[in-house]
N, C-alpha and C. Protein backbone atom coordinates (compact mmCIF):
# COMPACT_ATOMS: atom_id res chain seq x y z
N MET A 1 311.74 132.36 235.23
CA MET A 1 312.67 131.45 234.60
C MET A 1 311.90 130.47 233.72
N LEU A 2 312.41 130.27 232.53
CA LEU A 2 311.78 129.32 231.62
C LEU A 2 312.15 127.91 232.03
N PHE A 3 311.32 126.96 231.68
CA PHE A 3 311.53 125.58 232.08
C PHE A 3 312.27 124.84 230.97
N PRO A 4 313.54 124.48 231.19
CA PRO A 4 314.30 123.82 230.14
C PRO A 4 313.74 122.45 229.77
N GLY A 5 313.14 121.76 230.71
CA GLY A 5 312.56 120.46 230.41
C GLY A 5 311.44 120.57 229.38
N LYS A 6 310.67 121.65 229.47
CA LYS A 6 309.59 121.84 228.50
C LYS A 6 310.16 122.20 227.12
N PHE A 7 311.26 122.98 227.09
CA PHE A 7 311.90 123.27 225.81
C PHE A 7 312.39 121.98 225.17
N ARG A 8 313.02 121.14 225.98
CA ARG A 8 313.57 119.89 225.47
C ARG A 8 312.44 119.01 224.96
N ALA A 9 311.34 118.94 225.68
CA ALA A 9 310.21 118.11 225.25
C ALA A 9 309.60 118.66 223.96
N ALA A 10 309.50 119.98 223.86
CA ALA A 10 308.92 120.58 222.65
C ALA A 10 309.81 120.34 221.44
N VAL A 11 311.11 120.49 221.61
CA VAL A 11 312.03 120.27 220.50
C VAL A 11 312.02 118.80 220.10
N ALA A 12 311.98 117.90 221.08
CA ALA A 12 311.93 116.47 220.77
C ALA A 12 310.64 116.11 220.04
N THR A 13 309.53 116.71 220.45
CA THR A 13 308.26 116.44 219.79
C THR A 13 308.28 116.95 218.35
N LEU A 14 308.76 118.18 218.16
CA LEU A 14 308.83 118.73 216.81
C LEU A 14 309.78 117.92 215.94
N SER A 15 310.89 117.48 216.51
CA SER A 15 311.84 116.68 215.75
C SER A 15 311.23 115.36 215.32
N SER A 16 310.51 114.70 216.23
CA SER A 16 309.91 113.42 215.87
C SER A 16 308.80 113.60 214.83
N ILE A 17 308.05 114.68 214.94
CA ILE A 17 307.01 114.94 213.93
C ILE A 17 307.65 115.16 212.57
N TYR A 18 308.74 115.93 212.55
CA TYR A 18 309.39 116.19 211.28
C TYR A 18 310.02 114.94 210.71
N LEU A 19 310.59 114.09 211.57
CA LEU A 19 311.17 112.85 211.07
C LEU A 19 310.10 111.97 210.45
N TRP A 20 308.93 111.91 211.07
CA TRP A 20 307.84 111.13 210.48
C TRP A 20 307.37 111.77 209.19
N ALA A 21 307.38 113.09 209.11
CA ALA A 21 307.00 113.75 207.86
C ALA A 21 308.01 113.43 206.78
N GLY A 22 309.29 113.36 207.13
CA GLY A 22 310.32 112.99 206.17
C GLY A 22 310.14 111.57 205.68
N VAL A 23 309.76 110.67 206.57
CA VAL A 23 309.51 109.28 206.17
C VAL A 23 308.32 109.22 205.23
N ALA A 24 307.28 109.98 205.54
CA ALA A 24 306.10 109.98 204.67
C ALA A 24 306.44 110.58 203.31
N GLN A 25 307.29 111.60 203.29
CA GLN A 25 307.67 112.19 202.02
C GLN A 25 308.56 111.23 201.23
N ALA A 26 309.42 110.48 201.91
CA ALA A 26 310.28 109.52 201.23
C ALA A 26 309.44 108.43 200.56
N GLN A 27 308.28 108.13 201.12
CA GLN A 27 307.43 107.12 200.53
C GLN A 27 306.70 107.64 199.30
N GLU A 28 306.75 108.94 199.06
CA GLU A 28 306.13 109.48 197.85
C GLU A 28 306.85 109.01 196.60
N LEU A 29 308.12 108.65 196.74
CA LEU A 29 308.88 108.21 195.59
C LEU A 29 308.32 106.90 195.03
N GLY A 30 307.82 106.04 195.88
CA GLY A 30 307.21 104.79 195.45
C GLY A 30 305.72 105.00 195.21
N ALA A 31 305.03 103.90 195.00
CA ALA A 31 303.59 103.97 194.78
C ALA A 31 302.88 104.10 196.13
N ASP A 32 301.99 105.07 196.23
CA ASP A 32 301.22 105.26 197.45
C ASP A 32 300.05 104.28 197.47
N PRO A 33 299.69 103.78 198.64
CA PRO A 33 298.52 102.91 198.72
C PRO A 33 297.25 103.68 198.35
N ALA A 34 296.24 102.97 197.98
CA ALA A 34 294.99 103.60 197.58
C ALA A 34 294.38 104.35 198.76
N GLY A 35 293.93 105.57 198.54
CA GLY A 35 293.28 106.37 199.57
C GLY A 35 294.22 107.09 200.50
N SER A 36 295.51 107.06 200.23
CA SER A 36 296.46 107.73 201.12
C SER A 36 296.79 109.14 200.68
N GLY A 37 296.18 109.63 199.62
CA GLY A 37 296.48 110.96 199.13
C GLY A 37 296.18 112.05 200.14
N VAL A 38 295.12 111.90 200.89
CA VAL A 38 294.75 112.89 201.89
C VAL A 38 295.78 112.92 203.02
N ILE A 39 296.21 111.75 203.46
CA ILE A 39 297.19 111.68 204.55
C ILE A 39 298.53 112.24 204.10
N VAL A 40 298.96 111.88 202.90
CA VAL A 40 300.24 112.36 202.39
C VAL A 40 300.22 113.87 202.23
N SER A 41 299.11 114.41 201.72
CA SER A 41 299.05 115.87 201.56
C SER A 41 299.00 116.57 202.92
N ALA A 42 298.35 115.96 203.91
CA ALA A 42 298.33 116.55 205.25
C ALA A 42 299.72 116.55 205.88
N VAL A 43 300.46 115.46 205.70
CA VAL A 43 301.82 115.40 206.25
C VAL A 43 302.72 116.38 205.52
N ASN A 44 302.55 116.54 204.21
CA ASN A 44 303.34 117.53 203.47
C ASN A 44 303.02 118.94 203.94
N TRP A 45 301.76 119.21 204.23
CA TRP A 45 301.39 120.53 204.76
C TRP A 45 302.05 120.75 206.12
N LEU A 46 302.02 119.73 206.97
CA LEU A 46 302.63 119.82 208.29
C LEU A 46 304.13 120.06 208.17
N GLN A 47 304.77 119.38 207.24
CA GLN A 47 306.20 119.56 207.03
C GLN A 47 306.50 120.97 206.54
N GLY A 48 305.70 121.47 205.62
CA GLY A 48 305.89 122.84 205.14
C GLY A 48 305.70 123.86 206.25
N THR A 49 304.74 123.61 207.13
CA THR A 49 304.51 124.51 208.25
C THR A 49 305.67 124.46 209.24
N LEU A 50 306.17 123.26 209.53
CA LEU A 50 307.24 123.12 210.51
C LEU A 50 308.58 123.64 210.00
N LEU A 51 308.77 123.66 208.70
CA LEU A 51 310.04 124.15 208.16
C LEU A 51 309.90 125.52 207.51
N GLY A 52 308.76 126.13 207.59
CA GLY A 52 308.55 127.42 206.98
C GLY A 52 309.02 128.56 207.86
N THR A 53 308.45 129.71 207.63
CA THR A 53 308.83 130.91 208.34
C THR A 53 308.55 130.81 209.83
N VAL A 54 307.45 130.16 210.18
CA VAL A 54 307.09 130.05 211.60
C VAL A 54 308.17 129.28 212.37
N ALA A 55 308.60 128.16 211.83
CA ALA A 55 309.62 127.36 212.51
C ALA A 55 310.94 128.09 212.60
N THR A 56 311.29 128.81 211.55
CA THR A 56 312.55 129.55 211.56
C THR A 56 312.52 130.65 212.61
N VAL A 57 311.43 131.36 212.71
CA VAL A 57 311.31 132.43 213.71
C VAL A 57 311.35 131.85 215.12
N VAL A 58 310.62 130.76 215.35
CA VAL A 58 310.61 130.14 216.68
C VAL A 58 312.00 129.63 217.05
N ALA A 59 312.70 129.04 216.09
CA ALA A 59 314.04 128.53 216.36
C ALA A 59 315.01 129.66 216.67
N VAL A 60 314.93 130.76 215.95
CA VAL A 60 315.82 131.89 216.22
C VAL A 60 315.55 132.47 217.60
N ILE A 61 314.28 132.61 217.95
CA ILE A 61 313.93 133.14 219.28
C ILE A 61 314.39 132.17 220.37
N ALA A 62 314.19 130.86 220.15
CA ALA A 62 314.60 129.88 221.16
C ALA A 62 316.10 129.88 221.36
N VAL A 63 316.87 129.92 220.27
CA VAL A 63 318.33 129.93 220.39
C VAL A 63 318.80 131.22 221.05
N ALA A 64 318.19 132.34 220.71
CA ALA A 64 318.59 133.62 221.33
C ALA A 64 318.26 133.62 222.82
N ALA A 65 317.07 133.18 223.18
CA ALA A 65 316.67 133.17 224.59
C ALA A 65 317.53 132.21 225.40
N VAL A 66 317.75 131.02 224.87
CA VAL A 66 318.55 130.04 225.59
C VAL A 66 320.00 130.50 225.67
N GLY A 67 320.52 131.09 224.61
CA GLY A 67 321.89 131.61 224.64
C GLY A 67 322.06 132.69 225.69
N LEU A 68 321.10 133.60 225.78
CA LEU A 68 321.16 134.66 226.79
C LEU A 68 321.07 134.06 228.20
N MET A 69 320.19 133.07 228.37
CA MET A 69 320.06 132.44 229.69
C MET A 69 321.34 131.67 230.06
N MET A 70 321.99 131.06 229.06
CA MET A 70 323.24 130.36 229.33
C MET A 70 324.33 131.35 229.72
N LEU A 71 324.38 132.49 229.05
CA LEU A 71 325.41 133.48 229.36
C LEU A 71 325.21 134.13 230.72
N THR A 72 323.97 134.28 231.15
CA THR A 72 323.70 134.90 232.45
C THR A 72 323.68 133.88 233.58
N GLY A 73 323.85 132.60 233.27
CA GLY A 73 323.91 131.58 234.31
C GLY A 73 322.56 131.14 234.83
N ARG A 74 321.50 131.40 234.11
CA ARG A 74 320.16 131.02 234.57
C ARG A 74 319.75 129.63 234.11
N ILE A 75 320.49 129.06 233.19
CA ILE A 75 320.17 127.74 232.66
C ILE A 75 321.46 126.94 232.56
N ASN A 76 321.34 125.65 232.76
CA ASN A 76 322.48 124.76 232.66
C ASN A 76 322.93 124.68 231.21
N TRP A 77 324.22 124.58 230.99
CA TRP A 77 324.76 124.52 229.63
C TRP A 77 324.28 123.28 228.90
N ARG A 78 324.06 122.19 229.63
CA ARG A 78 323.59 120.96 228.99
C ARG A 78 322.19 121.15 228.41
N TYR A 79 321.31 121.81 229.14
CA TYR A 79 319.96 122.06 228.62
C TYR A 79 319.99 123.01 227.43
N GLY A 80 320.84 124.00 227.49
CA GLY A 80 320.98 124.93 226.37
C GLY A 80 321.49 124.24 225.13
N ALA A 81 322.47 123.37 225.30
CA ALA A 81 322.99 122.63 224.16
C ALA A 81 321.94 121.69 223.59
N THR A 82 321.07 121.17 224.44
CA THR A 82 319.99 120.29 223.98
C THR A 82 319.02 121.04 223.08
N VAL A 83 318.68 122.27 223.45
CA VAL A 83 317.78 123.07 222.62
C VAL A 83 318.42 123.39 221.28
N ILE A 84 319.67 123.78 221.30
CA ILE A 84 320.35 124.13 220.05
C ILE A 84 320.53 122.89 219.17
N LEU A 85 320.87 121.75 219.77
CA LEU A 85 320.99 120.51 219.02
C LEU A 85 319.64 120.10 218.43
N GLY A 86 318.57 120.32 219.18
CA GLY A 86 317.23 120.02 218.67
C GLY A 86 316.88 120.84 217.44
N CYS A 87 317.30 122.10 217.42
CA CYS A 87 317.07 122.94 216.24
C CYS A 87 317.85 122.42 215.04
N PHE A 88 319.09 122.00 215.26
CA PHE A 88 319.87 121.42 214.17
C PHE A 88 319.21 120.16 213.64
N ILE A 89 318.72 119.33 214.54
CA ILE A 89 318.05 118.09 214.11
C ILE A 89 316.77 118.41 213.36
N LEU A 90 316.02 119.38 213.84
CA LEU A 90 314.75 119.74 213.19
C LEU A 90 314.97 120.19 211.76
N PHE A 91 315.95 121.08 211.55
CA PHE A 91 316.15 121.61 210.21
C PHE A 91 317.02 120.71 209.34
N GLY A 92 317.75 119.78 209.94
CA GLY A 92 318.59 118.88 209.17
C GLY A 92 318.03 117.47 209.06
N ALA A 93 316.79 117.28 209.45
CA ALA A 93 316.21 115.94 209.47
C ALA A 93 316.13 115.33 208.08
N ALA A 94 315.85 116.12 207.06
CA ALA A 94 315.76 115.58 205.70
C ALA A 94 317.12 115.02 205.26
N SER A 95 318.19 115.73 205.57
CA SER A 95 319.53 115.25 205.22
C SER A 95 319.90 114.02 206.04
N ILE A 96 319.51 114.00 207.30
CA ILE A 96 319.80 112.85 208.16
C ILE A 96 319.08 111.61 207.64
N VAL A 97 317.82 111.74 207.28
CA VAL A 97 317.05 110.61 206.77
C VAL A 97 317.62 110.14 205.44
N ALA A 98 318.00 111.07 204.56
CA ALA A 98 318.58 110.70 203.27
C ALA A 98 319.90 109.95 203.46
N GLY A 99 320.71 110.38 204.42
CA GLY A 99 321.96 109.68 204.70
C GLY A 99 321.74 108.28 205.22
N ILE A 100 320.76 108.13 206.11
CA ILE A 100 320.45 106.80 206.65
C ILE A 100 319.93 105.90 205.54
N GLN A 101 319.08 106.44 204.67
CA GLN A 101 318.54 105.62 203.58
C GLN A 101 319.62 105.20 202.61
N SER A 102 320.54 106.11 202.29
CA SER A 102 321.61 105.74 201.36
C SER A 102 322.54 104.71 201.97
N THR A 103 322.79 104.81 203.28
CA THR A 103 323.60 103.82 203.96
C THR A 103 322.91 102.47 203.99
N ALA A 104 321.61 102.46 204.20
CA ALA A 104 320.85 101.20 204.22
C ALA A 104 320.83 100.56 202.84
N GLN A 105 320.76 101.36 201.78
CA GLN A 105 320.74 100.80 200.43
C GLN A 105 322.11 100.25 200.03
N LEU A 106 323.18 100.84 200.54
CA LEU A 106 324.52 100.33 200.25
C LEU A 106 324.75 98.97 200.91
N GLY A 107 324.13 98.75 202.06
CA GLY A 107 324.31 97.51 202.79
C GLY A 107 323.56 96.34 202.20
N GLN A 108 322.62 96.59 201.30
CA GLN A 108 321.80 95.50 200.75
C GLN A 108 322.49 94.78 199.65
């Protein structure tokens, strides 16, 4: 049996990494501080890796495995929904950040 707590922790970690990558990419629109080119390019590489083919394949396998485990009664539905929600957050983080930024700019 797979450990749902570890799936949840992995998805949360990947989501937080991607959210930070989105924040770093959002700062590309303004002027970058001196010497930050290496860090920005590293974060962009990490974002490309997390949203590329590797992330898509891992997400499809995770959703398929968790869905099968949910259907056979081996995993709680709440943990399964957490994994699926984590995948939505991972791939939709750029839209979520853009929405939050536009809402923050409207309030100013």
